[in-house]
Amino acid sequence: MSYTINGDPVLNINFAPATVEEEIIQNVKVLLSTAKFTVPLDRGLGLEQRFVDKPINIAQTLIISEVLDAIEQYEPRVNIVSIKPIISDITGKLIAVAEVEINA
């Protein structure tokens, strides 16, 4: 079964997820919505933000690369099916949408 996860900011963190699937989905969502170097005890967590202020076609390629690297490093329990960068209707920011399959 595949899950589609977008990189909109995480508003509520569940510190006691009921299932492994819920935990993994939340982990991937946090990866997609966190800028690298902003987490005090793990500066490598998140996306590096190399895509900021780049032309849209270059930014889309860079965000895909960053998402692949982050998910492979921090959440090895998923297989990436696809990654699609989109522009948020609300904020106008480029965000990543990842489709993943859980293999835990």
PDB file of N, CA and C in Angstrom:
ATOM      1  N   MET A   1       0.845  -1.176   0.000  1.00  0.00           N
ATOM      2  CA  MET A   1       0.000   0.000   0.000  1.00  0.00           C
ATOM      3  C   MET A   1       0.889   1.238   0.000  1.00  0.00           C
ATOM      4  N   SER A   2       0.528   2.205  -0.813  1.00  0.00           N
ATOM      5  CA  SER A   2       1.336   3.421  -0.881  1.00  0.00           C
ATOM      6  C   SER A   2       0.606   4.579  -0.194  1.00  0.00           C
ATOM      7  N   TYR A   3       1.408   5.506   0.305  1.00  0.00           N
ATOM      8  CA  TYR A   3       0.899   6.679   1.010  1.00  0.00           C
ATOM      9  C   TYR A   3       1.462   7.920   0.341  1.00  0.00           C
ATOM     10  N   THR A   4       0.635   8.942   0.184  1.00  0.00           N
ATOM     11  CA  THR A   4       1.079  10.216  -0.366  1.00  0.00           C
ATOM     12  C   THR A   4       1.243  11.195   0.787  1.00  0.00           C
ATOM     13  N   ILE A   5       2.446  11.757   0.906  1.00  0.00           N
ATOM     14  CA  ILE A   5       2.779  12.632   2.026  1.00  0.00           C
ATOM     15  C   ILE A   5       3.278  13.952   1.456  1.00  0.00           C
ATOM     16  N   ASN A   6       2.710  15.064   1.927  1.00  0.00           N
ATOM     17  CA  ASN A   6       3.162  16.360   1.424  1.00  0.00           C
ATOM     18  C   ASN A   6       4.017  17.065   2.469  1.00  0.00           C
ATOM     19  N   GLY A   7       4.772  18.039   2.011  1.00  0.00           N
ATOM     20  CA  GLY A   7       5.731  18.728   2.852  1.00  0.00           C
ATOM     21  C   GLY A   7       5.216  19.981   3.517  1.00  0.00           C
ATOM     22  N   ASP A   8       3.894  20.116   3.635  1.00  0.00           N
ATOM     23  CA  ASP A   8       3.366  21.251   4.393  1.00  0.00           C
ATOM     24  C   ASP A   8       3.834  21.135   5.836  1.00  0.00           C
ATOM     25  N   PRO A   9       3.965  22.250   6.533  1.00  0.00           N
ATOM     26  CA  PRO A   9       4.464  22.204   7.916  1.00  0.00           C
ATOM     27  C   PRO A   9       3.635  21.297   8.820  1.00  0.00           C
ATOM     28  N   VAL A  10       4.315  20.601   9.717  1.00  0.00           N
ATOM     29  CA  VAL A  10       3.661  19.718  10.682  1.00  0.00           C
ATOM     30  C   VAL A  10       3.130  20.581  11.819  1.00  0.00           C
ATOM     31  N   LEU A  11       1.834  20.528  12.053  1.00  0.00           N
ATOM     32  CA  LEU A  11       1.237  21.354  13.094  1.00  0.00           C
ATOM     33  C   LEU A  11       1.126  20.611  14.423  1.00  0.00           C
ATOM     34  N   ASN A  12       0.796  19.350  14.368  1.00  0.00           N
ATOM     35  CA  ASN A  12       0.640  18.553  15.584  1.00  0.00           C
ATOM     36  C   ASN A  12       1.498  17.297  15.480  1.00  0.00           C
ATOM     37  N   ILE A  13       2.390  17.122  16.428  1.00  0.00           N
ATOM     38  CA  ILE A  13       3.218  15.924  16.451  1.00  0.00           C
ATOM     39  C   ILE A  13       2.621  14.946  17.442  1.00  0.00           C
ATOM     40  N   ASN A  14       2.450  13.716  17.009  1.00  0.00           N
ATOM     41  CA  ASN A  14       1.930  12.663  17.867  1.00  0.00           C
ATOM     42  C   ASN A  14       3.121  11.928  18.475  1.00  0.00           C
ATOM     43  N   PHE A  15       3.348  12.104  19.759  1.00  0.00           N
ATOM     44  CA  PHE A  15       4.490  11.488  20.421  1.00  0.00           C
ATOM     45  C   PHE A  15       4.260  10.021  20.757  1.00  0.00           C
ATOM     46  N   ALA A  16       3.053   9.522  20.562  1.00  0.00           N
ATOM     47  CA  ALA A  16       2.747   8.119  20.802  1.00  0.00           C
ATOM     48  C   ALA A  16       1.868   7.595  19.677  1.00  0.00           C
ATOM     49  N   PRO A  17       2.450   7.441  18.466  1.00  0.00           N
ATOM     50  CA  PRO A  17       1.626   6.939  17.355  1.00  0.00           C
ATOM     51  C   PRO A  17       1.105   5.534  17.650  1.00  0.00           C
ATOM     52  N   ALA A  18      -0.117   5.272  17.226  1.00  0.00           N
ATOM     53  CA  ALA A  18      -0.771   3.999  17.518  1.00  0.00           C
ATOM     54  C   ALA A  18      -0.206   2.850  16.690  1.00  0.00           C
ATOM     55  N   THR A  19       0.285   3.150  15.474  1.00  0.00           N
ATOM     56  CA  THR A  19       0.782   2.090  14.602  1.00  0.00           C
ATOM     57  C   THR A  19       2.150   2.468  14.039  1.00  0.00           C
ATOM     58  N   VAL A  20       2.844   1.475  13.530  1.00  0.00           N
ATOM     59  CA  VAL A  20       4.132   1.715  12.885  1.00  0.00           C
ATOM     60  C   VAL A  20       3.939   2.568  11.635  1.00  0.00           C
ATOM     61  N   GLU A  21       2.865   2.330  10.896  1.00  0.00           N
ATOM     62  CA  GLU A  21       2.583   3.100   9.695  1.00  0.00           C
ATOM     63  C   GLU A  21       2.413   4.575  10.024  1.00  0.00           C
ATOM     64  N   GLU A  22       1.672   4.876  11.087  1.00  0.00           N
ATOM     65  CA  GLU A  22       1.468   6.262  11.491  1.00  0.00           C
ATOM     66  C   GLU A  22       2.800   6.916  11.878  1.00  0.00           C
ATOM     67  N   GLU A  23       3.644   6.175  12.560  1.00  0.00           N
ATOM     68  CA  GLU A  23       4.964   6.692  12.950  1.00  0.00           C
ATOM     69  C   GLU A  23       5.820   7.008  11.730  1.00  0.00           C
ATOM     70  N   ILE A  24       5.848   6.092  10.776  1.00  0.00           N
ATOM     71  CA  ILE A  24       6.671   6.270   9.579  1.00  0.00           C
ATOM     72  C   ILE A  24       6.165   7.440   8.737  1.00  0.00           C
ATOM     73  N   ILE A  25       4.856   7.544   8.569  1.00  0.00           N
ATOM     74  CA  ILE A  25       4.273   8.644   7.797  1.00  0.00           C
ATOM     75  C   ILE A  25       4.618   9.980   8.451  1.00  0.00           C
ATOM     76  N   GLN A  26       4.500  10.044   9.766  1.00  0.00           N
ATOM     77  CA  GLN A  26       4.852  11.275  10.472  1.00  0.00           C
ATOM     78  C   GLN A  26       6.335  11.599  10.310  1.00  0.00           C
ATOM     79  N   ASN A  27       7.203  10.590  10.369  1.00  0.00           N
ATOM     80  CA  ASN A  27       8.638  10.817  10.194  1.00  0.00           C
ATOM     81  C   ASN A  27       8.951  11.394   8.818  1.00  0.00           C
ATOM     82  N   VAL A  28       8.342  10.850   7.783  1.00  0.00           N
ATOM     83  CA  VAL A  28       8.576  11.345   6.429  1.00  0.00           C
ATOM     84  C   VAL A  28       8.039  12.768   6.296  1.00  0.00           C
ATOM     85  N   LYS A  29       6.875  13.043   6.862  1.00  0.00           N
ATOM     86  CA  LYS A  29       6.311  14.397   6.803  1.00  0.00           C
ATOM     87  C   LYS A  29       7.231  15.403   7.488  1.00  0.00           C
ATOM     88  N   VAL A  30       7.805  15.031   8.625  1.00  0.00           N
ATOM     89  CA  VAL A  30       8.743  15.921   9.318  1.00  0.00           C
ATOM     90  C   VAL A  30       9.974  16.157   8.452  1.00  0.00           C
ATOM     91  N   LEU A  31      10.483  15.110   7.803  1.00  0.00           N
ATOM     92  CA  LEU A  31      11.639  15.281   6.916  1.00  0.00           C
ATOM     93  C   LEU A  31      11.339  16.254   5.786  1.00  0.00           C
ATOM     94  N   LEU A  32      10.163  16.132   5.196  1.00  0.00           N
ATOM     95  CA  LEU A  32       9.799  16.976   4.057  1.00  0.00           C
ATOM     96  C   LEU A  32       9.549  18.431   4.449  1.00  0.00           C
ATOM     97  N   SER A  33       9.211  18.675   5.703  1.00  0.00           N
ATOM     98  CA  SER A  33       8.851  20.035   6.114  1.00  0.00           C
ATOM     99  C   SER A  33       9.914  20.722   6.968  1.00  0.00           C
ATOM    100  N   THR A  34      11.064  20.078   7.176  1.00  0.00           N
ATOM    101  CA  THR A  34      12.104  20.647   8.029  1.00  0.00           C
ATOM    102  C   THR A  34      13.296  21.093   7.190  1.00  0.00           C
ATOM    103  N   ALA A  35      13.780  22.278   7.472  1.00  0.00           N
ATOM    104  CA  ALA A  35      14.986  22.779   6.809  1.00  0.00           C
ATOM    105  C   ALA A  35      16.210  22.242   7.540  1.00  0.00           C
ATOM    106  N   LYS A  36      17.176  21.781   6.765  1.00  0.00           N
ATOM    107  CA  LYS A  36      18.420  21.278   7.337  1.00  0.00           C
ATOM    108  C   LYS A  36      19.096  22.379   8.154  1.00  0.00           C
ATOM    109  N   PHE A  37      19.792  21.993   9.195  1.00  0.00           N
ATOM    110  CA  PHE A  37      20.523  22.867  10.123  1.00  0.00           C
ATOM    111  C   PHE A  37      19.618  23.587  11.116  1.00  0.00           C
ATOM    112  N   THR A  38      18.319  23.260  11.182  1.00  0.00           N
ATOM    113  CA  THR A  38      17.425  23.926  12.126  1.00  0.00           C
ATOM    114  C   THR A  38      17.090  23.076  13.350  1.00  0.00           C
ATOM    115  N   VAL A  39      17.475  21.817  13.359  1.00  0.00           N
ATOM    116  CA  VAL A  39      17.197  20.942  14.493  1.00  0.00           C
ATOM    117  C   VAL A  39      18.442  20.908  15.372  1.00  0.00           C
ATOM    118  N   PRO A  40      18.380  21.417  16.604  1.00  0.00           N
ATOM    119  CA  PRO A  40      19.581  21.596  17.419  1.00  0.00           C
ATOM    120  C   PRO A  40      20.441  20.358  17.631  1.00  0.00           C
ATOM    121  N   LEU A  41      19.873  19.200  17.915  1.00  0.00           N
ATOM    122  CA  LEU A  41      20.697  18.028  18.202  1.00  0.00           C
ATOM    123  C   LEU A  41      20.940  17.135  16.989  1.00  0.00           C
ATOM    124  N   ASP A  42      20.388  17.508  15.856  1.00  0.00           N
ATOM    125  CA  ASP A  42      20.643  16.768  14.616  1.00  0.00           C
ATOM    126  C   ASP A  42      20.581  17.743  13.451  1.00  0.00           C
ATOM    127  N   ARG A  43      21.668  18.446  13.228  1.00  0.00           N
ATOM    128  CA  ARG A  43      21.709  19.490  12.198  1.00  0.00           C
ATOM    129  C   ARG A  43      21.531  18.947  10.785  1.00  0.00           C
ATOM    130  N   GLY A  44      21.702  17.644  10.588  1.00  0.00           N
ATOM    131  CA  GLY A  44      21.561  17.075   9.256  1.00  0.00           C
ATOM    132  C   GLY A  44      20.140  16.683   8.889  1.00  0.00           C
ATOM    133  N   LEU A  45      19.216  16.732   9.839  1.00  0.00           N
ATOM    134  CA  LEU A  45      17.834  16.335   9.604  1.00  0.00           C
ATOM    135  C   LEU A  45      17.118  17.356   8.724  1.00  0.00           C
ATOM    136  N   GLY A  46      16.440  16.890   7.706  1.00  0.00           N
ATOM    137  CA  GLY A  46      15.638  17.763   6.857  1.00  0.00           C
ATOM    138  C   GLY A  46      16.225  17.965   5.472  1.00  0.00           C
ATOM    139  N   LEU A  47      15.704  18.962   4.783  1.00  0.00           N
ATOM    140  CA  LEU A  47      16.123  19.272   3.414  1.00  0.00           C
ATOM    141  C   LEU A  47      17.102  20.431   3.429  1.00  0.00           C
ATOM    142  N   GLU A  48      18.112  20.359   2.594  1.00  0.00           N
ATOM    143  CA  GLU A  48      19.213  21.322   2.617  1.00  0.00           C
ATOM    144  C   GLU A  48      18.856  22.716   2.118  1.00  0.00           C
ATOM    145  N   GLN A  49      17.775  22.864   1.422  1.00  0.00           N
ATOM    146  CA  GLN A  49      17.299  24.165   0.947  1.00  0.00           C
ATOM    147  C   GLN A  49      18.160  24.771  -0.159  1.00  0.00           C
ATOM    148  N   ARG A  50      18.867  23.944  -0.915  1.00  0.00           N
ATOM    149  CA  ARG A  50      19.646  24.455  -2.051  1.00  0.00           C
ATOM    150  C   ARG A  50      18.748  24.974  -3.152  1.00  0.00           C
ATOM    151  N   PHE A  51      17.468  24.619  -3.114  1.00  0.00           N
ATOM    152  CA  PHE A  51      16.533  24.997  -4.166  1.00  0.00           C
ATOM    153  C   PHE A  51      15.971  26.409  -3.991  1.00  0.00           C
ATOM    154  N   VAL A  52      16.184  27.017  -2.838  1.00  0.00           N
ATOM    155  CA  VAL A  52      15.643  28.350  -2.570  1.00  0.00           C
ATOM    156  C   VAL A  52      16.287  29.374  -3.504  1.00  0.00           C
ATOM    157  N   ASP A  53      15.493  30.239  -4.077  1.00  0.00           N
ATOM    158  CA  ASP A  53      15.917  31.327  -4.968  1.00  0.00           C
ATOM    159  C   ASP A  53      16.527  30.852  -6.285  1.00  0.00           C
ATOM    160  N   LYS A  54      16.211  29.650  -6.693  1.00  0.00           N
ATOM    161  CA  LYS A  54      16.649  29.132  -7.992  1.00  0.00           C
ATOM    162  C   LYS A  54      15.476  29.216  -8.970  1.00  0.00           C
ATOM    163  N   PRO A  55      15.751  29.221 -10.261  1.00  0.00           N
ATOM    164  CA  PRO A  55      14.665  29.127 -11.245  1.00  0.00           C
ATOM    165  C   PRO A  55      13.859  27.852 -10.997  1.00  0.00           C
ATOM    166  N   ILE A  56      12.570  27.895 -11.273  1.00  0.00           N
ATOM    167  CA  ILE A  56      11.669  26.815 -10.888  1.00  0.00           C
ATOM    168  C   ILE A  56      12.082  25.452 -11.443  1.00  0.00           C
ATOM    169  N   ASN A  57      12.565  25.400 -12.685  1.00  0.00           N
ATOM    170  CA  ASN A  57      12.946  24.093 -13.245  1.00  0.00           C
ATOM    171  C   ASN A  57      14.165  23.510 -12.525  1.00  0.00           C
ATOM    172  N   ILE A  58      15.088  24.338 -12.099  1.00  0.00           N
ATOM    173  CA  ILE A  58      16.254  23.874 -11.342  1.00  0.00           C
ATOM    174  C   ILE A  58      15.838  23.531  -9.914  1.00  0.00           C
ATOM    175  N   ALA A  59      14.980  24.362  -9.315  1.00  0.00           N
ATOM    176  CA  ALA A  59      14.520  24.127  -7.943  1.00  0.00           C
ATOM    177  C   ALA A  59      13.783  22.796  -7.829  1.00  0.00           C
ATOM    178  N   GLN A  60      12.987  22.460  -8.816  1.00  0.00           N
ATOM    179  CA  GLN A  60      12.250  21.189  -8.787  1.00  0.00           C
ATOM    180  C   GLN A  60      13.200  20.004  -8.803  1.00  0.00           C
ATOM    181  N   THR A  61      14.233  20.071  -9.620  1.00  0.00           N
ATOM    182  CA  THR A  61      15.222  18.988  -9.676  1.00  0.00           C
ATOM    183  C   THR A  61      15.976  18.877  -8.357  1.00  0.00           C
ATOM    184  N   LEU A  62      16.364  20.012  -7.787  1.00  0.00           N
ATOM    185  CA  LEU A  62      17.112  20.002  -6.533  1.00  0.00           C
ATOM    186  C   LEU A  62      16.276  19.473  -5.369  1.00  0.00           C
ATOM    187  N   ILE A  63      15.007  19.835  -5.308  1.00  0.00           N
ATOM    188  CA  ILE A  63      14.184  19.370  -4.198  1.00  0.00           C
ATOM    189  C   ILE A  63      13.965  17.863  -4.277  1.00  0.00           C
ATOM    190  N   ILE A  64      13.846  17.321  -5.477  1.00  0.00           N
ATOM    191  CA  ILE A  64      13.715  15.869  -5.632  1.00  0.00           C
ATOM    192  C   ILE A  64      14.962  15.173  -5.105  1.00  0.00           C
ATOM    193  N   SER A  65      16.117  15.687  -5.459  1.00  0.00           N
ATOM    194  CA  SER A  65      17.385  15.122  -4.992  1.00  0.00           C
ATOM    195  C   SER A  65      17.494  15.180  -3.469  1.00  0.00           C
ATOM    196  N   GLU A  66      17.118  16.324  -2.891  1.00  0.00           N
ATOM    197  CA  GLU A  66      17.204  16.482  -1.442  1.00  0.00           C
ATOM    198  C   GLU A  66      16.247  15.551  -0.711  1.00  0.00           C
ATOM    199  N   VAL A  67      15.056  15.371  -1.243  1.00  0.00           N
ATOM    200  CA  VAL A  67      14.082  14.473  -0.627  1.00  0.00           C
ATOM    201  C   VAL A  67      14.589  13.031  -0.682  1.00  0.00           C
ATOM    202  N   LEU A  68      15.119  12.619  -1.818  1.00  0.00           N
ATOM    203  CA  LEU A  68      15.671  11.273  -1.926  1.00  0.00           C
ATOM    204  C   LEU A  68      16.761  11.031  -0.885  1.00  0.00           C
ATOM    205  N   ASP A  69      17.691  11.972  -0.763  1.00  0.00           N
ATOM    206  CA  ASP A  69      18.784  11.832   0.197  1.00  0.00           C
ATOM    207  C   ASP A  69      18.272  11.761   1.633  1.00  0.00           C
ATOM    208  N   ALA A  70      17.341  12.647   1.983  1.00  0.00           N
ATOM    209  CA  ALA A  70      16.839  12.699   3.358  1.00  0.00           C
ATOM    210  C   ALA A  70      16.074  11.438   3.736  1.00  0.00           C
ATOM    211  N   ILE A  71      15.206  10.970   2.849  1.00  0.00           N
ATOM    212  CA  ILE A  71      14.422   9.771   3.167  1.00  0.00           C
ATOM    213  C   ILE A  71      15.313   8.544   3.228  1.00  0.00           C
ATOM    214  N   GLU A  72      16.260   8.410   2.319  1.00  0.00           N
ATOM    215  CA  GLU A  72      17.163   7.259   2.360  1.00  0.00           C
ATOM    216  C   GLU A  72      17.980   7.232   3.648  1.00  0.00           C
ATOM    217  N   GLN A  73      18.379   8.392   4.137  1.00  0.00           N
ATOM    218  CA  GLN A  73      19.202   8.449   5.339  1.00  0.00           C
ATOM    219  C   GLN A  73      18.386   8.261   6.618  1.00  0.00           C
ATOM    220  N   TYR A  74      17.247   8.919   6.728  1.00  0.00           N
ATOM    221  CA  TYR A  74      16.525   8.970   7.994  1.00  0.00           C
ATOM    222  C   TYR A  74      15.326   8.031   8.108  1.00  0.00           C
ATOM    223  N   GLU A  75      14.793   7.541   7.039  1.00  0.00           N
ATOM    224  CA  GLU A  75      13.657   6.633   7.132  1.00  0.00           C
ATOM    225  C   GLU A  75      13.806   5.481   6.144  1.00  0.00           C
ATOM    226  N   PRO A  76      14.702   4.529   6.465  1.00  0.00           N
ATOM    227  CA  PRO A  76      14.952   3.402   5.560  1.00  0.00           C
ATOM    228  C   PRO A  76      13.813   2.382   5.497  1.00  0.00           C
ATOM    229  N   ARG A  77      12.770   2.583   6.295  1.00  0.00           N
ATOM    230  CA  ARG A  77      11.650   1.632   6.295  1.00  0.00           C
ATOM    231  C   ARG A  77      10.653   1.889   5.175  1.00  0.00           C
ATOM    232  N   VAL A  78      10.951   2.847   4.281  1.00  0.00           N
ATOM    233  CA  VAL A  78      10.050   3.120   3.166  1.00  0.00           C
ATOM    234  C   VAL A  78      10.775   2.972   1.836  1.00  0.00           C
ATOM    235  N   ASN A  79      10.019   2.633   0.829  1.00  0.00           N
ATOM    236  CA  ASN A  79      10.491   2.669  -0.555  1.00  0.00           C
ATOM    237  C   ASN A  79       9.815   3.865  -1.211  1.00  0.00           C
ATOM    238  N   ILE A  80      10.588   4.662  -1.912  1.00  0.00           N
ATOM    239  CA  ILE A  80      10.049   5.845  -2.569  1.00  0.00           C
ATOM    240  C   ILE A  80       9.470   5.438  -3.914  1.00  0.00           C
ATOM    241  N   VAL A  81       8.197   5.719  -4.106  1.00  0.00           N
ATOM    242  CA  VAL A  81       7.526   5.432  -5.369  1.00  0.00           C
ATOM    243  C   VAL A  81       7.701   6.607  -6.310  1.00  0.00           C
ATOM    244  N   SER A  82       7.423   7.822  -5.809  1.00  0.00           N
ATOM    245  CA  SER A  82       7.584   9.022  -6.632  1.00  0.00           C
ATOM    246  C   SER A  82       7.726  10.242  -5.733  1.00  0.00           C
ATOM    247  N   ILE A  83       8.325  11.281  -6.306  1.00  0.00           N
ATOM    248  CA  ILE A  83       8.439  12.570  -5.636  1.00  0.00           C
ATOM    249  C   ILE A  83       8.019  13.628  -6.648  1.00  0.00           C
ATOM    250  N   LYS A  84       7.080  14.463  -6.236  1.00  0.00           N
ATOM    251  CA  LYS A  84       6.580  15.493  -7.136  1.00  0.00           C
ATOM    252  C   LYS A  84       6.637  16.841  -6.429  1.00  0.00           C
ATOM    253  N   PRO A  85       7.426  17.777  -6.925  1.00  0.00           N
ATOM    254  CA  PRO A  85       7.412  19.121  -6.333  1.00  0.00           C
ATOM    255  C   PRO A  85       6.201  19.903  -6.825  1.00  0.00           C
ATOM    256  N   ILE A  86       5.535  20.572  -5.898  1.00  0.00           N
ATOM    257  CA  ILE A  86       4.386  21.400  -6.259  1.00  0.00           C
ATOM    258  C   ILE A  86       4.531  22.770  -5.598  1.00  0.00           C
ATOM    259  N   ILE A  87       3.795  23.734  -6.102  1.00  0.00           N
ATOM    260  CA  ILE A  87       3.777  25.063  -5.498  1.00  0.00           C
ATOM    261  C   ILE A  87       2.503  25.164  -4.667  1.00  0.00           C
ATOM    262  N   SER A  88       2.674  25.448  -3.378  1.00  0.00           N
ATOM    263  CA  SER A  88       1.552  25.546  -2.445  1.00  0.00           C
ATOM    264  C   SER A  88       0.620  26.680  -2.852  1.00  0.00           C
ATOM    265  N   ASP A  89      -0.682  26.396  -2.876  1.00  0.00           N
ATOM    266  CA  ASP A  89      -1.674  27.426  -3.200  1.00  0.00           C
ATOM    267  C   ASP A  89      -1.764  28.476  -2.099  1.00  0.00           C
ATOM    268  N   ILE A  90      -1.506  28.073  -0.878  1.00  0.00           N
ATOM    269  CA  ILE A  90      -1.668  28.977   0.258  1.00  0.00           C
ATOM    270  C   ILE A  90      -0.451  29.878   0.429  1.00  0.00           C
ATOM    271  N   THR A  91       0.748  29.290   0.439  1.00  0.00           N
ATOM    272  CA  THR A  91       1.956  30.067   0.731  1.00  0.00           C
ATOM    273  C   THR A  91       2.745  30.464  -0.503  1.00  0.00           C
ATOM    274  N   GLY A  92       2.529  29.780  -1.621  1.00  0.00           N
ATOM    275  CA  GLY A  92       3.307  30.049  -2.825  1.00  0.00           C
ATOM    276  C   GLY A  92       4.692  29.428  -2.790  1.00  0.00           C
ATOM    277  N   LYS A  93       4.972  28.618  -1.768  1.00  0.00           N
ATOM    278  CA  LYS A  93       6.282  27.975  -1.634  1.00  0.00           C
ATOM    279  C   LYS A  93       6.314  26.652  -2.392  1.00  0.00           C
ATOM    280  N   LEU A  94       7.509  26.286  -2.796  1.00  0.00           N
ATOM    281  CA  LEU A  94       7.715  24.990  -3.431  1.00  0.00           C
ATOM    282  C   LEU A  94       7.786  23.931  -2.334  1.00  0.00           C
ATOM    283  N   ILE A  95       6.921  22.927  -2.416  1.00  0.00           N
ATOM    284  CA  ILE A  95       6.949  21.845  -1.445  1.00  0.00           C
ATOM    285  C   ILE A  95       7.015  20.517  -2.180  1.00  0.00           C
ATOM    286  N   ALA A  96       7.507  19.523  -1.481  1.00  0.00           N
ATOM    287  CA  ALA A  96       7.621  18.187  -2.071  1.00  0.00           C
ATOM    288  C   ALA A  96       6.446  17.317  -1.633  1.00  0.00           C
ATOM    289  N   VAL A  97       5.972  16.509  -2.557  1.00  0.00           N
ATOM    290  CA  VAL A  97       4.957  15.506  -2.258  1.00  0.00           C
ATOM    291  C   VAL A  97       5.591  14.167  -2.610  1.00  0.00           C
ATOM    292  N   ALA A  98       5.685  13.299  -1.612  1.00  0.00           N
ATOM    293  CA  ALA A  98       6.315  11.994  -1.825  1.00  0.00           C
ATOM    294  C   ALA A  98       5.278  10.898  -1.707  1.00  0.00           C
ATOM    295  N   GLU A  99       5.349   9.955  -2.623  1.00  0.00           N
ATOM    296  CA  GLU A  99       4.534   8.756  -2.526  1.00  0.00           C
ATOM    297  C   GLU A  99       5.469   7.640  -2.104  1.00  0.00           C
ATOM    298  N   VAL A 100       5.158   6.994  -0.975  1.00  0.00           N
ATOM    299  CA  VAL A 100       6.047   5.972  -0.424  1.00  0.00           C
ATOM    300  C   VAL A 100       5.269   4.705  -0.122  1.00  0.00           C
ATOM    301  N   GLU A 101       5.994   3.611  -0.106  1.00  0.00           N
ATOM    302  CA  GLU A 101       5.466   2.327   0.346  1.00  0.00           C
ATOM    303  C   GLU A 101       6.234   1.904   1.576  1.00  0.00           C
ATOM    304  N   ILE A 102       5.519   1.460   2.593  1.00  0.00           N
ATOM    305  CA  ILE A 102       6.170   1.063   3.836  1.00  0.00           C
ATOM    306  C   ILE A 102       6.602  -0.386   3.723  1.00  0.00           C
ATOM    307  N   ASN A 103       7.852  -0.646   4.080  1.00  0.00           N
ATOM    308  CA  ASN A 103       8.373  -2.022   4.007  1.00  0.00           C
ATOM    309  C   ASN A 103       8.815  -2.524   5.375  1.00  0.00           C
ATOM    310  N   ALA A 104       8.228  -1.972   6.440  1.00  0.00           N
ATOM    311  CA  ALA A 104       8.591  -2.380   7.800  1.00  0.00           C
ATOM    312  C   ALA A 104       7.824  -3.606   8.219  1.00  0.00           C
TER     313      ALA A 104
END
